[in-house]
Protein backbone atom coordinates (compact mmCIF):
# COMPACT_ATOMS: atom_id res chain seq x y z
CA MET A 1 -55.16 174.97 178.36
CA ILE A 2 -56.99 172.64 180.76
CA SER A 3 -55.34 172.56 184.19
CA ALA A 4 -54.19 169.37 185.93
CA SER A 5 -57.04 169.56 188.45
CA LEU A 6 -59.51 169.34 185.57
CA ASP A 7 -57.86 166.38 183.85
CA PHE A 8 -59.69 163.74 185.88
CA PRO A 9 -62.70 161.91 184.43
CA ARG A 10 -66.16 163.00 185.57
CA TYR A 11 -68.68 160.49 186.96
CA GLY A 12 -72.34 160.68 187.82
CA ASP A 13 -75.68 161.85 186.47
CA LYS A 14 -76.52 164.84 188.66
CA GLN A 15 -77.09 168.00 186.68
CA ASN A 16 -75.22 171.01 188.06
CA SER A 17 -76.02 174.66 187.39
CA ASP A 18 -74.24 176.76 184.79
CA PHE A 19 -72.75 178.75 187.68
CA PHE A 20 -71.19 175.61 189.15
CA GLU A 21 -69.74 174.42 185.86
CA GLU A 22 -68.28 177.83 185.04
CA TYR A 23 -66.68 178.47 188.41
CA LEU A 24 -65.46 174.89 188.81
CA VAL A 25 -63.23 175.49 185.79
CA ARG A 26 -62.23 179.02 186.73
CA LEU A 27 -61.42 178.20 190.36
CA LEU A 28 -59.37 175.08 189.62
CA GLU A 29 -57.45 176.68 186.77
CA GLU A 30 -56.63 179.67 188.99
CA ARG A 31 -55.72 177.36 191.91
CA ASP A 32 -53.29 175.41 189.72
CA ARG A 33 -51.86 178.50 188.07
CA GLY A 34 -51.20 180.22 191.42
CA GLY A 35 -49.39 177.22 192.86
CA LEU A 36 -51.88 176.31 195.59
CA THR A 37 -52.61 172.86 194.20
CA SER A 38 -48.96 171.87 194.34
CA ARG A 39 -48.43 173.38 197.82
CA ILE A 40 -51.49 171.79 199.53
CA ARG A 41 -50.97 168.05 199.90
CA GLN A 42 -52.89 165.36 201.84
CA ILE A 43 -55.22 165.41 204.83
CA ASP A 44 -52.91 164.96 207.82
CA THR A 45 -55.35 165.24 210.73
CA LEU A 46 -59.05 164.97 211.58
CA MET A 47 -60.38 166.83 214.64
CA ILE A 48 -63.37 165.78 216.78
CA THR A 49 -64.63 167.32 220.04
CA VAL A 50 -66.77 165.47 222.62
CA GLU A 51 -68.51 166.32 225.88
CA PRO A 52 -66.74 166.32 229.26
CA GLY A 53 -66.15 162.77 230.46
CA HIS A 54 -66.80 161.17 227.04
CA SER A 55 -63.37 161.07 225.43
CA ILE A 56 -62.01 157.90 227.07
CA ALA A 57 -65.03 155.84 226.03
CA TYR A 58 -64.89 157.34 222.53
CA VAL A 59 -61.19 156.53 222.18
CA GLY A 60 -62.02 152.95 223.15
CA GLU A 61 -64.89 152.86 220.62
CA LEU A 62 -62.72 154.14 217.78
CA CYS A 63 -59.84 151.82 218.65
CA LEU A 64 -62.21 148.83 218.53
CA MET A 65 -64.06 149.79 215.34
CA THR A 66 -61.10 151.15 213.34
CA PRO A 67 -57.35 150.49 212.97
CA TYR A 68 -56.44 153.53 215.12
CA HIS A 69 -54.06 153.35 218.08
CA TYR A 70 -53.82 155.65 221.09
CA LEU A 71 -50.54 157.57 220.98
CA VAL A 72 -50.54 160.36 223.58
CA THR A 73 -52.69 162.92 225.41
CA LEU A 74 -52.06 166.66 225.24
CA GLU A 75 -53.48 168.69 228.13
CA SER A 76 -54.15 172.42 227.74
CA GLU A 77 -56.06 174.76 230.03
CA SER A 78 -59.59 173.80 228.98
CA HIS A 79 -59.15 170.65 226.83
CA TYR A 80 -57.69 167.18 226.79
CA THR A 81 -56.64 166.15 223.27
CA HIS A 82 -56.01 162.46 222.62
CA VAL A 83 -53.91 161.70 219.53
CA LEU A 84 -54.86 158.55 217.60
CA ARG A 85 -52.66 157.24 214.81
CA ILE A 86 -52.42 154.30 212.40
CA ASP A 87 -49.18 155.23 210.67
CA MET A 88 -47.75 158.22 208.82
CA ARG A 89 -49.53 157.29 205.59
CA ALA A 90 -53.03 157.78 207.04
CA PRO A 91 -54.43 160.85 208.83
CA ASP A 92 -54.28 161.16 212.61
CA VAL A 93 -57.47 161.66 214.61
CA LEU A 94 -57.48 164.20 217.45
CA VAL A 95 -60.23 163.50 220.00
CA ARG A 96 -60.70 166.70 222.02
CA GLU A 97 -62.60 166.72 225.32
CA VAL A 98 -63.86 169.95 226.83
CA LYS A 99 -63.05 169.95 230.56
CA ASP A 100 -65.90 172.24 231.60
CA ALA A 101 -69.39 171.66 230.20
CA ASN A 102 -70.04 175.41 230.38
CA THR A 103 -67.12 176.35 228.14
CA ARG A 104 -68.32 178.76 225.45
CA GLY A 105 -66.92 179.13 221.97
CA ILE A 106 -67.63 179.26 218.28
CA PHE A 107 -67.80 175.49 217.83
CA ARG A 108 -70.38 175.15 220.60
CA SER A 109 -72.47 177.92 219.07
CA LEU A 110 -72.64 175.94 215.81
CA ASN A 111 -74.55 173.21 217.70
CA GLU A 112 -76.85 175.17 219.92
CA VAL A 113 -79.40 176.41 217.39
CA TYR A 114 -80.30 172.87 216.26
CA PRO A 115 -82.66 170.71 218.34
CA ILE A 116 -80.57 167.52 218.42
CA GLY A 117 -77.19 169.21 218.04
CA ALA A 118 -77.98 171.26 221.16
CA GLN A 119 -78.33 168.09 223.26
CA LYS A 120 -74.55 167.62 223.00
CA PRO A 121 -73.42 171.23 222.57
CA ASN A 122 -69.70 170.51 222.80
CA SER A 123 -69.70 167.44 220.53
CA ARG A 124 -68.96 167.80 216.84
CA TYR A 125 -66.57 166.89 214.07
CA MET A 126 -64.47 170.01 213.55
CA GLY A 127 -62.68 169.46 210.24
CA GLU A 128 -59.46 168.53 208.46
CA ILE A 129 -55.87 169.77 208.64
CA PHE A 130 -53.86 169.57 205.41
CA ARG A 131 -50.11 169.18 205.13
CA VAL A 132 -48.61 172.01 203.09
CA THR A 133 -45.13 172.60 201.75
CA SER A 134 -45.08 176.31 202.69
CA LEU A 135 -47.49 177.54 205.36
CA HIS A 136 -46.72 181.21 204.73
CA ASP A 137 -47.27 180.94 200.99
CA VAL A 138 -50.53 179.01 201.31
CA VAL A 139 -52.00 181.40 203.87
CA GLU A 140 -51.05 184.49 201.87
CA LEU A 141 -52.42 183.02 198.64
CA GLN A 142 -55.67 182.05 200.36
CA LYS A 143 -56.06 185.43 202.02
CA ALA A 144 -55.77 186.99 198.55
CA ARG A 145 -58.78 184.82 197.60
CA ASP A 146 -60.74 186.26 200.56
CA VAL A 147 -60.37 183.19 202.78
CA ARG A 148 -60.56 184.26 206.43
CA PHE A 149 -58.40 182.75 209.17
CA PHE A 150 -58.41 182.75 212.94
CA ASN A 151 -55.61 184.98 214.20
CA GLN A 152 -52.98 183.63 216.59
CA ASP A 153 -54.74 185.00 219.65
CA GLN A 154 -57.96 183.26 218.60
CA ILE A 155 -56.03 180.02 217.96
CA ARG A 156 -54.64 180.28 221.49
CA LYS A 157 -58.07 180.94 223.05
CA LEU A 158 -59.63 178.05 221.10
CA GLU A 159 -56.71 175.86 222.21
CA LEU A 160 -55.96 174.62 218.73
CA PRO A 161 -52.35 173.58 217.99
CA GLY A 162 -50.23 176.70 217.62
CA ASN A 163 -48.34 175.37 214.59
CA MET A 164 -51.50 175.45 212.44
CA ALA A 165 -53.29 178.09 210.39
CA VAL A 166 -57.04 177.49 210.58
CA ALA A 167 -59.69 178.98 208.31
CA LYS A 168 -62.88 180.10 210.01
CA PRO A 169 -65.80 177.62 209.89
CA SER A 170 -67.52 177.27 206.56
CA PRO A 171 -70.97 178.91 206.34
CA TYR A 172 -72.03 175.90 204.26
CA THR A 173 -70.62 172.90 206.17
CA HIS A 174 -69.70 174.45 209.56
CA ASN A 175 -66.39 172.55 209.25
CA ILE A 176 -62.93 174.06 209.41
CA VAL A 177 -59.98 173.51 207.08
CA GLY A 178 -56.50 174.07 208.49
CA TYR A 179 -52.94 173.91 207.23
CA TRP A 180 -49.59 173.12 208.73
CA GLU A 181 -46.13 172.79 207.29
CA ARG A 182 -44.57 169.36 207.70
CA PRO A 183 -41.84 167.74 205.61
CA GLU A 184 -43.09 164.41 204.28
CA ASP A 185 -40.47 162.40 206.20
CA GLU A 186 -41.03 164.05 209.62
CA LEU A 187 -43.41 162.94 212.36
CA ARG A 188 -46.57 164.85 213.20
CA VAL A 189 -46.04 166.84 216.40
CA TYR A 190 -48.85 169.04 217.75
CA ALA A 191 -47.91 172.28 219.51
CA LEU A 192 -50.53 172.02 222.22
CA GLY A 193 -50.19 171.57 225.99
CA LEU A 194 -48.46 169.05 228.22
CA SER A 195 -47.86 165.60 226.78
CA SER A 196 -48.46 162.33 228.65
CA ILE A 197 -49.68 158.78 228.17
CA ARG A 198 -52.67 158.64 230.50
CA ALA A 199 -53.21 155.35 232.30
CA ASP A 200 -57.02 155.51 231.99
CA VAL A 201 -56.93 156.17 228.24
CA GLN A 202 -54.25 153.52 227.75
CA ALA A 203 -56.40 150.98 229.63
CA ALA A 204 -59.42 151.74 227.41
CA TYR A 205 -57.20 151.45 224.34
CA GLU A 206 -55.69 148.12 225.41
CA ALA A 207 -59.11 146.67 226.22
CA ALA A 208 -60.37 147.70 222.77
CA LYS A 209 -57.37 146.21 220.98
CA ASP A 210 -57.60 142.99 223.01
CA THR A 211 -61.22 142.64 221.88
CA GLN A 212 -60.34 143.57 218.31
CA GLN A 213 -57.61 140.92 218.25
CA ARG A 214 -59.83 138.28 219.85
CA LEU A 215 -62.54 138.92 217.24
CA GLY A 216 -60.03 138.74 214.38
CA LEU A 217 -60.75 142.27 213.16
CA ALA A 218 -57.33 143.91 213.17
CA GLU A 219 -56.05 142.40 209.94
CA ARG A 220 -59.29 143.17 208.07
CA LEU A 221 -59.74 146.86 208.87
CA LEU A 222 -58.08 149.52 206.72
CA PRO A 223 -57.83 153.32 207.20
CA ILE A 224 -60.58 155.86 206.52
CA ASP A 225 -61.89 155.75 202.95
CA HIS A 226 -64.07 158.86 202.91
CA LEU A 227 -65.68 161.56 205.05
CA ALA A 228 -69.33 162.37 204.39
CA THR A 229 -70.81 165.78 205.22
CA ARG A 230 -74.49 166.73 204.97
CA VAL A 231 -75.48 170.24 203.92
CA TYR A 232 -78.65 172.14 203.08
CA SER A 233 -80.01 171.63 199.58
CA GLN A 234 -79.34 175.21 198.51
CA ASN A 235 -75.71 175.00 199.66
CA ARG A 236 -74.64 171.88 197.74
CA GLU A 237 -72.77 173.57 194.93
CA ALA A 238 -71.30 176.31 197.12
CA ALA A 239 -70.02 173.76 199.65
CA ILE A 240 -68.27 171.73 196.95
CA LEU A 241 -66.71 174.76 195.26
CA GLU A 242 -65.59 176.19 198.60
CA TYR A 243 -63.87 172.92 199.55
CA LEU A 244 -62.09 172.83 196.21
CA THR A 245 -61.00 176.43 196.85
CA LEU A 246 -59.56 175.52 200.25
CA THR A 247 -57.87 172.22 199.31
CA SER A 248 -56.08 170.42 196.49
CA TYR A 249 -59.07 168.18 195.79
CA TYR A 250 -60.89 167.78 192.47
CA TYR A 251 -64.52 167.16 191.57
CA TRP A 252 -65.05 163.43 190.96
CA GLY A 253 -68.77 163.73 190.27
CA SER A 254 -72.34 163.61 191.61
CA TYR A 255 -75.14 161.08 191.54
CA ASP A 256 -78.84 161.81 191.89
CA ILE A 257 -80.59 159.51 194.39
CA ALA A 258 -84.12 160.41 193.34
CA ASP A 259 -86.09 158.05 195.61
CA GLN A 260 -84.44 159.59 198.69
CA ASN A 261 -84.69 163.14 197.27
CA SER A 262 -80.92 163.67 197.56
CA SER A 263 -77.61 163.66 195.75
CA THR A 264 -74.19 162.31 196.66
CA ASN A 265 -71.24 164.44 195.54
CA VAL A 266 -67.60 163.32 195.71
CA THR A 267 -64.29 165.19 195.78
CA LYS A 268 -60.89 163.47 195.80
CA SER A 269 -57.23 164.34 196.23
CA VAL A 270 -55.29 165.46 193.17
CA HIS A 271 -52.12 164.03 194.72
CA HIS A 272 -53.27 160.70 196.18
CA ALA A 273 -55.23 158.23 194.06
CA ASN A 274 -55.49 155.96 197.11
CA GLU A 275 -58.19 157.35 199.41
CA LEU A 276 -56.59 155.55 202.37
CA GLU A 277 -53.76 158.11 202.22
CA SER A 278 -56.06 161.14 201.91
CA PRO A 279 -59.77 160.32 202.34
CA ALA A 280 -62.31 161.42 199.76
CA LYS A 281 -64.68 164.17 200.93
CA VAL A 282 -68.34 163.51 200.16
CA PHE A 283 -71.17 166.04 200.30
CA THR A 284 -74.79 164.90 200.54
CA ALA A 285 -77.68 167.30 200.06
CA ALA A 286 -81.41 167.12 199.45
CA ASN A 287 -82.64 167.85 195.95
CA HIS A 288 -85.33 170.18 197.29
CA PRO A 289 -85.60 172.36 200.42
CA TYR A 290 -87.82 171.13 203.26
CA PHE A 291 -90.64 173.64 202.70
CA VAL A 292 -91.71 172.10 199.39
CA ASN A 293 -91.84 168.51 200.66
CA HIS A 294 -95.51 168.76 201.57
CA LEU A 295 -96.17 169.58 197.93
CA LEU A 296 -93.83 166.98 196.44
CA GLN A 297 -94.64 164.21 198.92
CA LEU A 298 -91.03 162.98 198.83
CA PRO A 299 -88.87 161.70 201.66
CA SER A 300 -86.19 164.12 202.81
CA PRO A 301 -83.86 162.38 205.31
CA THR A 302 -80.83 164.50 204.40
CA GLU A 303 -82.58 167.84 204.83
CA ALA A 304 -84.14 166.59 208.06
CA PHE A 305 -80.71 165.65 209.40
CA VAL A 306 -79.30 169.10 208.68
CA ARG A 307 -82.30 170.83 210.25
CA ASN A 308 -81.92 168.73 213.40
CA TYR A 309 -78.13 168.59 213.78
CA GLY A 310 -76.92 171.46 211.62
CA PRO A 311 -74.60 171.10 208.62
CA ARG A 312 -71.90 168.70 209.78
CA LEU A 313 -70.05 165.47 209.15
CA HIS A 314 -72.46 162.54 209.11
CA HIS A 315 -70.11 159.55 208.95
CA LEU A 316 -66.56 158.25 208.69
CA ALA A 317 -66.19 155.38 206.23
CA VAL A 318 -63.65 152.70 207.17
CA ALA A 319 -62.42 150.42 204.39
CA VAL A 320 -62.41 146.65 204.81
CA ASN A 321 -59.83 144.71 202.82
CA ASP A 322 -61.02 142.53 199.97
CA GLY A 323 -61.24 138.86 200.84
CA ARG A 324 -63.18 136.27 202.75
CA THR A 325 -63.01 134.90 206.30
CA ALA A 326 -64.77 131.77 207.58
CA GLY A 327 -66.74 131.56 204.33
CA LYS A 328 -67.98 135.17 204.52
CA ALA A 329 -66.98 138.38 202.80
CA ASN A 330 -64.69 140.23 205.21
CA ILE A 331 -67.25 142.98 205.79
CA ASP A 332 -69.86 140.43 206.86
CA TYR A 333 -67.33 138.82 209.19
CA VAL A 334 -66.43 142.19 210.75
CA VAL A 335 -70.04 143.25 211.25
CA ASP A 336 -71.13 139.89 212.69
CA ALA A 337 -68.22 139.93 215.15
CA LEU A 338 -69.02 143.49 216.29
CA ARG A 339 -72.72 142.68 216.64
CA ASP A 340 -71.85 139.70 218.81
CA CYS A 341 -70.04 142.03 221.24
CA GLY A 342 -72.88 144.56 221.40
CA GLN A 343 -72.34 147.04 218.56
CA SER A 344 -75.58 147.97 216.80
CA PHE A 345 -76.06 148.75 213.12
CA LEU A 346 -78.83 150.53 211.24
CA LEU A 347 -79.44 147.73 208.76
CA ASP A 348 -77.90 144.55 207.41
CA VAL A 349 -74.90 144.66 205.09
CA ILE A 350 -76.12 145.74 201.66
CA GLY A 351 -74.69 145.31 198.16
CA SER A 352 -73.03 142.25 196.70
CA GLU A 353 -69.76 140.90 195.41
CA GLU A 354 -71.29 140.80 191.93
CA ALA A 355 -72.10 144.51 192.11
CA GLY A 356 -68.52 145.17 193.33
CA LEU A 357 -69.37 146.79 196.66
CA LYS A 358 -70.85 146.02 200.09
CA GLN A 359 -71.59 148.66 202.76
CA ILE A 360 -73.23 149.20 206.14
CA PHE A 361 -73.84 152.01 208.66
CA SER A 362 -73.34 151.60 212.41
CA SER A 363 -75.67 153.32 214.81
CA ALA A 364 -74.54 156.83 215.65
CA SER A 365 -71.98 157.04 218.44
CA GLU A 366 -73.46 158.25 221.72
CA TYR A 367 -70.24 160.20 222.27
CA SER A 368 -69.70 162.01 218.95
CA SER A 369 -73.02 161.41 217.09
CA LEU A 370 -70.90 160.14 214.18
CA ILE A 371 -71.75 156.99 212.26
CA ILE A 372 -69.07 154.51 211.19
CA GLU A 373 -69.59 153.12 207.71
CA TYR A 374 -67.82 149.96 206.63
CA VAL A 375 -67.16 149.54 202.92
CA GLN A 376 -65.63 146.59 201.05
CA ARG A 377 -64.81 146.79 197.35
CA PHE A 378 -64.42 143.60 195.34
CA GLY A 379 -61.90 143.12 192.55
CA ASP A 380 -61.24 146.28 190.56
CA PHE A 381 -64.37 148.22 191.63
CA GLN A 382 -63.33 151.89 191.84
CA GLY A 383 -66.48 153.76 192.88
CA PHE A 384 -67.87 154.88 196.22
CA PHE A 385 -71.39 153.53 196.02
CA THR A 386 -74.15 152.09 193.93
CA LYS A 387 -77.42 153.99 193.69
CA ASP A 388 -79.36 151.21 195.40
CA ASN A 389 -76.85 151.05 198.26
CA VAL A 390 -76.95 154.81 198.85
CA ALA A 391 -80.75 154.90 198.80
CA ARG A 392 -80.97 152.13 201.41
CA LEU A 393 -78.25 153.62 203.62
CA THR A 394 -79.84 157.07 203.46
CA HIS A 395 -83.26 155.65 204.32
CA ALA A 396 -81.91 153.64 207.28
CA ALA A 397 -80.07 156.66 208.69
CA GLY A 398 -83.18 158.77 208.22
CA VAL A 399 -85.28 156.33 210.26
CA GLU A 400 -82.88 156.49 213.22
CA GLU A 401 -82.50 160.25 212.97
CA GLY A 402 -86.29 160.61 212.87
CA LEU A 403 -86.53 158.73 216.16
CA ARG A 404 -83.88 161.01 217.67
CA ALA A 405 -85.82 164.06 216.48
CA MET A 406 -88.99 162.74 218.14
CA ASP A 407 -87.06 162.17 221.37
CA ALA A 408 -85.61 165.70 221.20
CA ALA A 409 -89.09 167.15 220.69
CA ALA A 410 -90.42 165.19 223.67
CA ARG A 411 -87.58 166.45 225.87
CA ALA A 412 -88.19 170.03 224.78
CA ALA A 413 -91.88 169.67 225.57
CA GLU A 414 -91.09 168.31 229.04
CA ALA A 415 -88.65 171.16 229.68
CA THR A 416 -91.25 173.80 228.79
CA GLY A 417 -94.24 171.94 230.21
């Protein structure tokens, strides 16, 4: 009997290995049969860490460019954690700031071996926390599948909320997946440090929202649509299968983007058809490893990104509601307004209403290195991309990342010269 997690239609043209196809079925059938799929619900929280002194500016940036609101700051011994929220239907964002630039830890070590990642050693997207119906049951079931967790002493030393169980970082994505037990009708409360509304963060938040309101953006921006992680070419299938093992997501499909030597692979929530309630998780990987590019003579922006930054989240995609403002598609209106107040983008808005989708990438944040994507779907368009859009977005990001790599190389040469 086919399990519920395998009942969804498959999209895409990317050919997977026999190993992937076999274990996709076996893992999801076993996940459903053991009760994990029903116990693991939506993404409740996203966690991001930034360098000392960067969190206030980053909170202001996110509150301008997205629908998020500043809620409260939690202060622990070595971190400030700012809680951003839209409402209880969309995930929270926790913006963590390391107090001391010399703080050591596992998340810093994931940055330091990569030339650009090492420039901001404390800055990275950490991962997602899922709401579960029984924390004990989920953890025990996952341990029986050889999933490894931080123990409570490690959680305390890492200053992660004490009411969470957190799996150790993935060897394929370097992201974490965590769980916490929360009844659907109760508020999210993080067991971490002293709680206060900081005047400096509140001022940055209010300034951002004043600008957002003045530009007419607030009513056009929707919650996060998807999260896009870049991984090494050889880890594509393992990263997808691992995420399906850790979550209640299913495999939506993969598309080959041949002219950018990459593929885009999508997973979605079994429980929430609306991505705005639990964002889709996208994995992008090169089709070939870097060491054959000189033979193939193909571009390889995705592999170059991973070699420079490490496997990590590349962008957060914010949805824009369908409609028009001042004679423009809403996404064009939003981007033009942000450009007029100084926000830069990697290219012009691409796609069309006729194709059903328009998209754009911002420049990478100087605080988190994350890109914000804006995406507007028209009518009943249900997909995440068109092949032409993805190729152009990937190329544009690759150009900027290539410039950053050149800058990193120049800095390294100066340091050793």
